[in-house]
Amino acid sequence: MNTSQTAVARTERLSRIPSYGVLVGVAYAVCVLGMSSSILAEMAVGYTGSGDAPRSLGEQLAGVLGFGTLGLVVSVLAVRFLDSPRRRQTGAIVLGIAAVPALAFFWCGMPALLGAGAAALAGLTRGRTPEVGVARVFGLIGLAFAIINPIVNAAGVTFSWLTTS
């Protein structure tokens, strides 16, 4: 085993970054299923909010499920079918870039889902070989979104329910 193989093996063993499946699963569960459950609970208790809402609860639910599932599908297909090193690098860059404007859809987890795909394609998730250069940079951006987006969503929903009177 040469020095670079030892470094990669050591990095994989000491990594605290979960696998792609765990990242994308947590993001979907927290952001899409959690937010959908919150909206369904609001519907069940007859919550109407304060002031004029731009969208009804039904429209919000459709948006969360639709955009969240779209993000999941794009992420899973990219990770599954971009199989050559060049395609993985390009995919990491494209998904990392796409995760930034997807911040407009943070409530449905789209940045986290696309970001998890970027991180996986860049080899930053457990069980993958890390890429270098630009692909790694966008993979790190994606990894940040994959971790931060579910935390912010969970905190936001929790705070919303705690402060609702």
N, C-alpha and C. Protein backbone atom coordinates (compact mmCIF):
# COMPACT_ATOMS: atom_id res chain seq x y z
N MET A 1 0.86 -1.17 0.00
CA MET A 1 0.00 0.00 0.00
C MET A 1 0.91 1.23 0.00
N ASN A 2 0.72 2.13 -0.97
CA ASN A 2 1.55 3.33 -1.00
C ASN A 2 0.96 4.41 -0.10
N THR A 3 1.67 5.53 -0.01
CA THR A 3 1.28 6.60 0.92
C THR A 3 -0.10 7.17 0.62
N SER A 4 -0.43 7.38 -0.67
CA SER A 4 -1.75 7.95 -1.00
C SER A 4 -2.87 6.99 -0.67
N GLN A 5 -2.65 5.70 -0.86
CA GLN A 5 -3.68 4.72 -0.51
C GLN A 5 -3.90 4.68 1.00
N THR A 6 -2.82 4.81 1.76
CA THR A 6 -2.92 4.84 3.22
C THR A 6 -3.72 6.06 3.67
N ALA A 7 -3.45 7.22 3.04
CA ALA A 7 -4.17 8.45 3.41
C ALA A 7 -5.65 8.33 3.10
N VAL A 8 -5.98 7.76 1.94
CA VAL A 8 -7.39 7.61 1.57
C VAL A 8 -8.07 6.64 2.52
N ALA A 9 -7.43 5.51 2.81
CA ALA A 9 -8.03 4.52 3.72
C ALA A 9 -8.23 5.13 5.10
N ARG A 10 -7.23 5.88 5.58
CA ARG A 10 -7.34 6.50 6.89
C ARG A 10 -8.46 7.54 6.89
N THR A 11 -8.57 8.33 5.82
CA THR A 11 -9.62 9.34 5.73
C THR A 11 -11.00 8.69 5.76
N GLU A 12 -11.17 7.59 5.04
CA GLU A 12 -12.47 6.92 5.01
C GLU A 12 -12.83 6.37 6.38
N ARG A 13 -11.86 5.80 7.10
CA ARG A 13 -12.15 5.24 8.41
C ARG A 13 -12.49 6.32 9.44
N LEU A 14 -11.85 7.48 9.33
CA LEU A 14 -12.05 8.53 10.32
C LEU A 14 -13.15 9.51 9.93
N SER A 15 -13.74 9.34 8.77
CA SER A 15 -14.74 10.28 8.27
C SER A 15 -16.00 10.27 9.11
N ARG A 16 -16.50 11.48 9.37
CA ARG A 16 -17.75 11.60 10.09
C ARG A 16 -18.89 11.92 9.13
N ILE A 17 -18.56 11.98 7.87
CA ILE A 17 -19.57 12.27 6.85
C ILE A 17 -20.31 10.97 6.54
N PRO A 18 -21.64 11.00 6.60
CA PRO A 18 -22.39 9.76 6.33
C PRO A 18 -22.38 9.41 4.85
N SER A 19 -22.96 8.28 4.55
CA SER A 19 -23.08 7.86 3.16
C SER A 19 -24.11 8.72 2.44
N TYR A 20 -24.09 8.64 1.12
CA TYR A 20 -25.06 9.39 0.32
C TYR A 20 -26.49 9.02 0.71
N GLY A 21 -26.74 7.73 0.87
CA GLY A 21 -28.09 7.26 1.21
C GLY A 21 -28.60 7.87 2.51
N VAL A 22 -27.72 7.98 3.49
CA VAL A 22 -28.11 8.57 4.77
C VAL A 22 -28.37 10.06 4.59
N LEU A 23 -27.49 10.77 3.89
CA LEU A 23 -27.67 12.21 3.68
C LEU A 23 -28.99 12.51 2.97
N VAL A 24 -29.22 11.82 1.87
CA VAL A 24 -30.42 12.10 1.08
C VAL A 24 -31.67 11.62 1.81
N GLY A 25 -31.56 10.52 2.54
CA GLY A 25 -32.70 10.01 3.30
C GLY A 25 -33.12 10.95 4.42
N VAL A 26 -32.13 11.45 5.16
CA VAL A 26 -32.43 12.39 6.25
C VAL A 26 -33.01 13.69 5.68
N ALA A 27 -32.41 14.19 4.59
CA ALA A 27 -32.90 15.42 3.98
C ALA A 27 -34.35 15.26 3.53
N TYR A 28 -34.67 14.15 2.89
CA TYR A 28 -36.04 13.93 2.42
C TYR A 28 -37.00 13.75 3.60
N ALA A 29 -36.57 12.97 4.58
CA ALA A 29 -37.44 12.72 5.74
C ALA A 29 -37.73 14.01 6.50
N VAL A 30 -36.71 14.80 6.77
CA VAL A 30 -36.90 16.02 7.56
C VAL A 30 -37.60 17.10 6.75
N CYS A 31 -37.07 17.36 5.56
CA CYS A 31 -37.56 18.51 4.79
C CYS A 31 -38.88 18.25 4.07
N VAL A 32 -39.03 17.09 3.48
CA VAL A 32 -40.25 16.82 2.71
C VAL A 32 -41.31 16.17 3.59
N LEU A 33 -40.98 15.05 4.20
CA LEU A 33 -41.98 14.35 5.01
C LEU A 33 -42.31 15.11 6.28
N GLY A 34 -41.30 15.70 6.93
CA GLY A 34 -41.54 16.49 8.13
C GLY A 34 -42.38 17.73 7.84
N MET A 35 -42.01 18.46 6.79
CA MET A 35 -42.77 19.66 6.44
C MET A 35 -44.18 19.29 5.99
N SER A 36 -44.33 18.22 5.24
CA SER A 36 -45.66 17.77 4.81
C SER A 36 -46.51 17.39 6.02
N SER A 37 -45.91 16.72 6.99
CA SER A 37 -46.64 16.36 8.21
C SER A 37 -47.09 17.60 8.96
N SER A 38 -46.23 18.60 9.00
CA SER A 38 -46.59 19.85 9.67
C SER A 38 -47.77 20.53 8.96
N ILE A 39 -47.72 20.55 7.64
CA ILE A 39 -48.82 21.16 6.87
C ILE A 39 -50.10 20.37 7.07
N LEU A 40 -50.02 19.05 7.04
CA LEU A 40 -51.21 18.22 7.28
C LEU A 40 -51.77 18.45 8.68
N ALA A 41 -50.89 18.60 9.67
CA ALA A 41 -51.35 18.89 11.03
C ALA A 41 -52.03 20.25 11.09
N GLU A 42 -51.49 21.24 10.38
CA GLU A 42 -52.13 22.55 10.33
C GLU A 42 -53.52 22.45 9.71
N MET A 43 -53.64 21.63 8.67
CA MET A 43 -54.96 21.43 8.05
C MET A 43 -55.92 20.78 9.03
N ALA A 44 -55.41 19.79 9.77
CA ALA A 44 -56.26 19.04 10.71
C ALA A 44 -56.76 19.91 11.86
N VAL A 45 -55.93 20.82 12.33
CA VAL A 45 -56.36 21.66 13.45
C VAL A 45 -57.03 22.96 12.99
N GLY A 46 -57.14 23.13 11.69
CA GLY A 46 -57.83 24.31 11.17
C GLY A 46 -57.01 25.59 11.23
N TYR A 47 -55.70 25.48 11.23
CA TYR A 47 -54.82 26.65 11.30
C TYR A 47 -54.99 27.48 10.03
N THR A 48 -55.15 28.76 10.20
CA THR A 48 -55.29 29.65 9.04
C THR A 48 -54.18 30.67 8.96
N GLY A 49 -53.38 30.82 9.99
CA GLY A 49 -52.30 31.79 9.97
C GLY A 49 -52.80 33.18 10.25
N SER A 50 -51.90 34.14 10.16
CA SER A 50 -52.28 35.53 10.37
C SER A 50 -52.03 36.30 9.09
N GLY A 51 -52.98 37.09 8.70
CA GLY A 51 -52.85 37.88 7.47
C GLY A 51 -53.18 37.07 6.24
N ASP A 52 -52.95 37.69 5.10
CA ASP A 52 -53.21 37.02 3.83
C ASP A 52 -52.04 36.12 3.46
N ALA A 53 -52.30 34.87 3.23
CA ALA A 53 -51.28 33.93 2.79
C ALA A 53 -51.29 33.86 1.27
N PRO A 54 -50.12 33.86 0.64
CA PRO A 54 -50.09 33.82 -0.82
C PRO A 54 -50.56 32.48 -1.39
N ARG A 55 -50.43 31.41 -0.59
CA ARG A 55 -50.86 30.08 -1.04
C ARG A 55 -51.64 29.39 0.07
N SER A 56 -52.59 28.59 -0.34
CA SER A 56 -53.35 27.82 0.63
C SER A 56 -52.48 26.68 1.17
N LEU A 57 -52.92 26.06 2.25
CA LEU A 57 -52.18 24.93 2.80
C LEU A 57 -52.09 23.78 1.80
N GLY A 58 -53.15 23.57 1.03
CA GLY A 58 -53.13 22.52 0.00
C GLY A 58 -52.08 22.81 -1.07
N GLU A 59 -51.99 24.05 -1.48
CA GLU A 59 -50.97 24.44 -2.47
C GLU A 59 -49.57 24.30 -1.88
N GLN A 60 -49.42 24.67 -0.61
CA GLN A 60 -48.12 24.52 0.04
C GLN A 60 -47.71 23.05 0.12
N LEU A 61 -48.67 22.19 0.46
CA LEU A 61 -48.40 20.75 0.54
C LEU A 61 -47.98 20.21 -0.82
N ALA A 62 -48.70 20.59 -1.86
CA ALA A 62 -48.35 20.14 -3.22
C ALA A 62 -46.95 20.62 -3.61
N GLY A 63 -46.61 21.85 -3.24
CA GLY A 63 -45.29 22.38 -3.55
C GLY A 63 -44.18 21.63 -2.84
N VAL A 64 -44.38 21.37 -1.55
CA VAL A 64 -43.37 20.66 -0.77
C VAL A 64 -43.16 19.26 -1.34
N LEU A 65 -44.25 18.54 -1.56
CA LEU A 65 -44.14 17.18 -2.10
C LEU A 65 -43.58 17.16 -3.52
N GLY A 66 -44.06 18.08 -4.35
CA GLY A 66 -43.62 18.11 -5.75
C GLY A 66 -42.17 18.51 -5.91
N PHE A 67 -41.79 19.66 -5.35
CA PHE A 67 -40.42 20.14 -5.51
C PHE A 67 -39.43 19.27 -4.73
N GLY A 68 -39.83 18.80 -3.55
CA GLY A 68 -38.96 17.92 -2.78
C GLY A 68 -38.70 16.60 -3.49
N THR A 69 -39.74 16.02 -4.04
CA THR A 69 -39.58 14.75 -4.76
C THR A 69 -38.80 14.96 -6.05
N LEU A 70 -39.00 16.09 -6.72
CA LEU A 70 -38.21 16.40 -7.92
C LEU A 70 -36.73 16.47 -7.56
N GLY A 71 -36.40 17.15 -6.47
CA GLY A 71 -35.01 17.22 -6.02
C GLY A 71 -34.44 15.84 -5.72
N LEU A 72 -35.24 14.99 -5.08
CA LEU A 72 -34.81 13.62 -4.78
C LEU A 72 -34.53 12.84 -6.06
N VAL A 73 -35.45 12.91 -7.00
CA VAL A 73 -35.30 12.16 -8.26
C VAL A 73 -34.06 12.62 -9.03
N VAL A 74 -33.87 13.92 -9.15
CA VAL A 74 -32.70 14.45 -9.87
C VAL A 74 -31.42 13.98 -9.19
N SER A 75 -31.38 14.07 -7.88
CA SER A 75 -30.19 13.67 -7.12
C SER A 75 -29.90 12.17 -7.29
N VAL A 76 -30.89 11.35 -7.09
CA VAL A 76 -30.69 9.89 -7.17
C VAL A 76 -30.30 9.47 -8.58
N LEU A 77 -30.96 10.02 -9.59
CA LEU A 77 -30.61 9.67 -10.97
C LEU A 77 -29.19 10.09 -11.32
N ALA A 78 -28.80 11.27 -10.88
CA ALA A 78 -27.44 11.73 -11.16
C ALA A 78 -26.40 10.82 -10.51
N VAL A 79 -26.60 10.50 -9.25
CA VAL A 79 -25.64 9.65 -8.54
C VAL A 79 -25.64 8.24 -9.12
N ARG A 80 -26.79 7.77 -9.52
CA ARG A 80 -26.90 6.40 -10.05
C ARG A 80 -26.30 6.24 -11.44
N PHE A 81 -26.52 7.23 -12.31
CA PHE A 81 -26.17 7.04 -13.72
C PHE A 81 -24.93 7.79 -14.20
N LEU A 82 -24.38 8.69 -13.43
CA LEU A 82 -23.13 9.34 -13.83
C LEU A 82 -21.99 8.47 -13.33
N ASP A 83 -21.52 7.58 -14.21
CA ASP A 83 -20.63 6.53 -13.76
C ASP A 83 -19.16 6.72 -14.11
N SER A 84 -18.83 7.55 -15.08
CA SER A 84 -17.42 7.74 -15.41
C SER A 84 -16.85 8.88 -14.55
N PRO A 85 -15.55 8.89 -14.33
CA PRO A 85 -14.96 9.96 -13.51
C PRO A 85 -15.27 11.36 -14.06
N ARG A 86 -15.20 11.54 -15.34
CA ARG A 86 -15.48 12.85 -15.94
C ARG A 86 -16.94 13.26 -15.71
N ARG A 87 -17.86 12.32 -15.88
CA ARG A 87 -19.28 12.63 -15.67
C ARG A 87 -19.57 12.92 -14.20
N ARG A 88 -18.91 12.20 -13.29
CA ARG A 88 -19.11 12.47 -11.87
C ARG A 88 -18.63 13.87 -11.51
N GLN A 89 -17.48 14.26 -12.05
CA GLN A 89 -16.96 15.60 -11.79
C GLN A 89 -17.92 16.66 -12.32
N THR A 90 -18.36 16.48 -13.55
CA THR A 90 -19.31 17.43 -14.14
C THR A 90 -20.62 17.45 -13.35
N GLY A 91 -21.11 16.29 -12.97
CA GLY A 91 -22.34 16.20 -12.19
C GLY A 91 -22.21 16.89 -10.84
N ALA A 92 -21.06 16.75 -10.18
CA ALA A 92 -20.84 17.41 -8.89
C ALA A 92 -20.89 18.92 -9.07
N ILE A 93 -20.30 19.42 -10.15
CA ILE A 93 -20.31 20.86 -10.40
C ILE A 93 -21.72 21.34 -10.71
N VAL A 94 -22.42 20.63 -11.58
CA VAL A 94 -23.78 21.04 -11.98
C VAL A 94 -24.73 21.00 -10.78
N LEU A 95 -24.71 19.92 -10.00
CA LEU A 95 -25.61 19.83 -8.84
C LEU A 95 -25.22 20.84 -7.76
N GLY A 96 -23.92 21.07 -7.59
CA GLY A 96 -23.47 22.08 -6.62
C GLY A 96 -23.94 23.47 -7.00
N ILE A 97 -23.85 23.77 -8.29
CA ILE A 97 -24.34 25.07 -8.78
C ILE A 97 -25.85 25.14 -8.65
N ALA A 98 -26.56 24.09 -9.02
CA ALA A 98 -28.02 24.07 -8.97
C ALA A 98 -28.55 24.20 -7.54
N ALA A 99 -27.78 23.75 -6.57
CA ALA A 99 -28.22 23.83 -5.18
C ALA A 99 -28.30 25.28 -4.69
N VAL A 100 -27.54 26.18 -5.30
CA VAL A 100 -27.54 27.58 -4.85
C VAL A 100 -28.87 28.26 -5.19
N PRO A 101 -29.34 28.28 -6.45
CA PRO A 101 -30.65 28.90 -6.70
C PRO A 101 -31.80 28.09 -6.08
N ALA A 102 -31.55 26.82 -5.80
CA ALA A 102 -32.59 26.00 -5.15
C ALA A 102 -32.83 26.45 -3.72
N LEU A 103 -32.01 27.37 -3.21
CA LEU A 103 -32.26 27.92 -1.88
C LEU A 103 -33.63 28.57 -1.80
N ALA A 104 -34.16 29.01 -2.95
CA ALA A 104 -35.52 29.56 -2.98
C ALA A 104 -36.54 28.49 -2.57
N PHE A 105 -36.15 27.23 -2.65
CA PHE A 105 -37.03 26.11 -2.31
C PHE A 105 -36.52 25.38 -1.06
N PHE A 106 -35.85 26.11 -0.15
CA PHE A 106 -35.27 25.47 1.03
C PHE A 106 -36.31 24.74 1.85
N TRP A 107 -37.56 25.23 1.87
CA TRP A 107 -38.62 24.66 2.69
C TRP A 107 -38.97 23.25 2.26
N CYS A 108 -38.62 22.85 1.02
CA CYS A 108 -38.91 21.47 0.59
C CYS A 108 -37.64 20.63 0.50
N GLY A 109 -36.51 21.19 0.92
CA GLY A 109 -35.27 20.41 0.96
C GLY A 109 -34.52 20.29 -0.34
N MET A 110 -34.93 21.02 -1.36
CA MET A 110 -34.25 20.87 -2.65
C MET A 110 -32.74 21.17 -2.57
N PRO A 111 -32.30 22.22 -1.86
CA PRO A 111 -30.85 22.43 -1.77
C PRO A 111 -30.13 21.26 -1.10
N ALA A 112 -30.73 20.67 -0.08
CA ALA A 112 -30.11 19.54 0.61
C ALA A 112 -30.04 18.31 -0.30
N LEU A 113 -31.10 18.06 -1.04
CA LEU A 113 -31.14 16.88 -1.90
C LEU A 113 -30.15 17.00 -3.05
N LEU A 114 -30.12 18.17 -3.70
CA LEU A 114 -29.16 18.39 -4.78
C LEU A 114 -27.74 18.42 -4.21
N GLY A 115 -27.59 19.04 -3.05
CA GLY A 115 -26.29 19.11 -2.41
C GLY A 115 -25.74 17.74 -2.03
N ALA A 116 -26.60 16.86 -1.55
CA ALA A 116 -26.16 15.50 -1.22
C ALA A 116 -25.67 14.79 -2.47
N GLY A 117 -26.35 15.01 -3.59
CA GLY A 117 -25.90 14.43 -4.85
C GLY A 117 -24.55 14.98 -5.27
N ALA A 118 -24.36 16.29 -5.13
CA ALA A 118 -23.08 16.92 -5.48
C ALA A 118 -21.96 16.36 -4.60
N ALA A 119 -22.24 16.22 -3.30
CA ALA A 119 -21.24 15.69 -2.38
C ALA A 119 -20.87 14.24 -2.74
N ALA A 120 -21.87 13.45 -3.08
CA ALA A 120 -21.61 12.05 -3.45
C ALA A 120 -20.81 11.97 -4.74
N LEU A 121 -21.19 12.74 -5.73
CA LEU A 121 -20.47 12.71 -7.01
C LEU A 121 -19.05 13.23 -6.86
N ALA A 122 -18.83 14.14 -5.91
CA ALA A 122 -17.48 14.65 -5.65
C ALA A 122 -16.68 13.69 -4.77
N GLY A 123 -17.32 12.60 -4.35
CA GLY A 123 -16.63 11.59 -3.55
C GLY A 123 -16.45 11.95 -2.10
N LEU A 124 -17.28 12.86 -1.61
CA LEU A 124 -17.12 13.34 -0.23
C LEU A 124 -17.95 12.56 0.79
N THR A 125 -18.82 11.70 0.33
CA THR A 125 -19.62 10.90 1.26
C THR A 125 -18.91 9.59 1.55
N ARG A 126 -19.29 8.95 2.63
CA ARG A 126 -18.64 7.72 3.07
C ARG A 126 -18.68 6.65 1.98
N GLY A 127 -17.56 5.99 1.80
CA GLY A 127 -17.47 4.89 0.86
C GLY A 127 -17.14 5.31 -0.56
N ARG A 128 -16.80 6.57 -0.78
CA ARG A 128 -16.48 7.05 -2.13
C ARG A 128 -15.07 7.64 -2.14
N THR A 129 -14.49 7.69 -3.32
CA THR A 129 -13.16 8.26 -3.49
C THR A 129 -13.27 9.74 -3.79
N PRO A 130 -12.64 10.59 -2.98
CA PRO A 130 -12.75 12.04 -3.18
C PRO A 130 -12.15 12.52 -4.50
N GLU A 131 -12.85 13.45 -5.12
CA GLU A 131 -12.36 14.12 -6.32
C GLU A 131 -11.49 15.29 -5.87
N VAL A 132 -10.85 15.93 -6.83
CA VAL A 132 -10.02 17.10 -6.55
C VAL A 132 -10.51 18.25 -7.42
N GLY A 133 -10.03 19.44 -7.11
CA GLY A 133 -10.31 20.61 -7.94
C GLY A 133 -11.71 21.17 -7.77
N VAL A 134 -12.25 21.66 -8.87
CA VAL A 134 -13.54 22.35 -8.86
C VAL A 134 -14.67 21.42 -8.41
N ALA A 135 -14.63 20.18 -8.82
CA ALA A 135 -15.68 19.23 -8.42
C ALA A 135 -15.72 19.10 -6.90
N ARG A 136 -14.56 19.08 -6.27
CA ARG A 136 -14.51 18.98 -4.81
C ARG A 136 -15.09 20.23 -4.15
N VAL A 137 -14.80 21.40 -4.71
CA VAL A 137 -15.32 22.65 -4.16
C VAL A 137 -16.84 22.65 -4.18
N PHE A 138 -17.42 22.28 -5.34
CA PHE A 138 -18.89 22.26 -5.42
C PHE A 138 -19.48 21.11 -4.61
N GLY A 139 -18.73 20.05 -4.44
CA GLY A 139 -19.17 18.97 -3.56
C GLY A 139 -19.23 19.43 -2.11
N LEU A 140 -18.26 20.24 -1.70
CA LEU A 140 -18.27 20.79 -0.34
C LEU A 140 -19.43 21.75 -0.13
N ILE A 141 -19.71 22.56 -1.14
CA ILE A 141 -20.88 23.46 -1.06
C ILE A 141 -22.15 22.62 -0.91
N GLY A 142 -22.26 21.59 -1.73
CA GLY A 142 -23.42 20.70 -1.65
C GLY A 142 -23.52 20.01 -0.30
N LEU A 143 -22.39 19.58 0.23
CA LEU A 143 -22.38 18.91 1.53
C LEU A 143 -22.87 19.86 2.63
N ALA A 144 -22.46 21.12 2.54
CA ALA A 144 -22.93 22.10 3.53
C ALA A 144 -24.45 22.25 3.45
N PHE A 145 -24.99 22.33 2.23
CA PHE A 145 -26.45 22.44 2.08
C PHE A 145 -27.14 21.18 2.59
N ALA A 146 -26.55 20.01 2.32
CA ALA A 146 -27.15 18.74 2.74
C ALA A 146 -27.23 18.62 4.26
N ILE A 147 -26.33 19.28 4.95
CA ILE A 147 -26.33 19.22 6.41
C ILE A 147 -27.16 20.36 7.02
N ILE A 148 -26.99 21.57 6.50
CA ILE A 148 -27.62 22.75 7.10
C ILE A 148 -29.12 22.83 6.81
N ASN A 149 -29.54 22.52 5.58
CA ASN A 149 -30.95 22.65 5.19
C ASN A 149 -31.90 21.86 6.10
N PRO A 150 -31.65 20.58 6.37
CA PRO A 150 -32.56 19.86 7.28
C PRO A 150 -32.56 20.42 8.71
N ILE A 151 -31.42 20.90 9.17
CA ILE A 151 -31.36 21.48 10.51
C ILE A 151 -32.22 22.74 10.59
N VAL A 152 -32.08 23.60 9.58
CA VAL A 152 -32.87 24.84 9.55
C VAL A 152 -34.36 24.53 9.42
N ASN A 153 -34.71 23.56 8.57
CA ASN A 153 -36.13 23.19 8.41
C ASN A 153 -36.70 22.66 9.72
N ALA A 154 -36.00 21.75 10.36
CA ALA A 154 -36.49 21.18 11.62
C ALA A 154 -36.63 22.26 12.68
N ALA A 155 -35.65 23.14 12.76
CA ALA A 155 -35.72 24.23 13.74
C ALA A 155 -36.88 25.17 13.43
N GLY A 156 -37.07 25.48 12.15
CA GLY A 156 -38.15 26.38 11.76
C GLY A 156 -39.53 25.81 12.05
N VAL A 157 -39.74 24.55 11.73
CA VAL A 157 -41.03 23.92 11.99
C VAL A 157 -41.27 23.82 13.49
N THR A 158 -40.25 23.43 14.23
CA THR A 158 -40.38 23.32 15.68
C THR A 158 -40.70 24.68 16.30
N PHE A 159 -39.97 25.71 15.91
CA PHE A 159 -40.21 27.05 16.43
C PHE A 159 -41.62 27.52 16.07
N SER A 160 -42.05 27.24 14.85
CA SER A 160 -43.38 27.63 14.40
C SER A 160 -44.46 27.01 15.27
N TRP A 161 -44.34 25.73 15.55
CA TRP A 161 -45.34 25.03 16.38
C TRP A 161 -45.28 25.49 17.83
N LEU A 162 -44.09 25.80 18.32
CA LEU A 162 -43.97 26.24 19.71
C LEU A 162 -44.53 27.65 19.92
N THR A 163 -44.47 28.47 18.88
CA THR A 163 -44.93 29.86 19.04
C THR A 163 -46.35 30.07 18.55
N THR A 164 -46.98 29.06 17.98
CA THR A 164 -48.36 29.18 17.52
C THR A 164 -49.29 29.15 18.73
N SER A 165 -50.17 30.10 18.75
CA SER A 165 -51.11 30.10 19.89
C SER A 165 -52.51 29.78 19.47
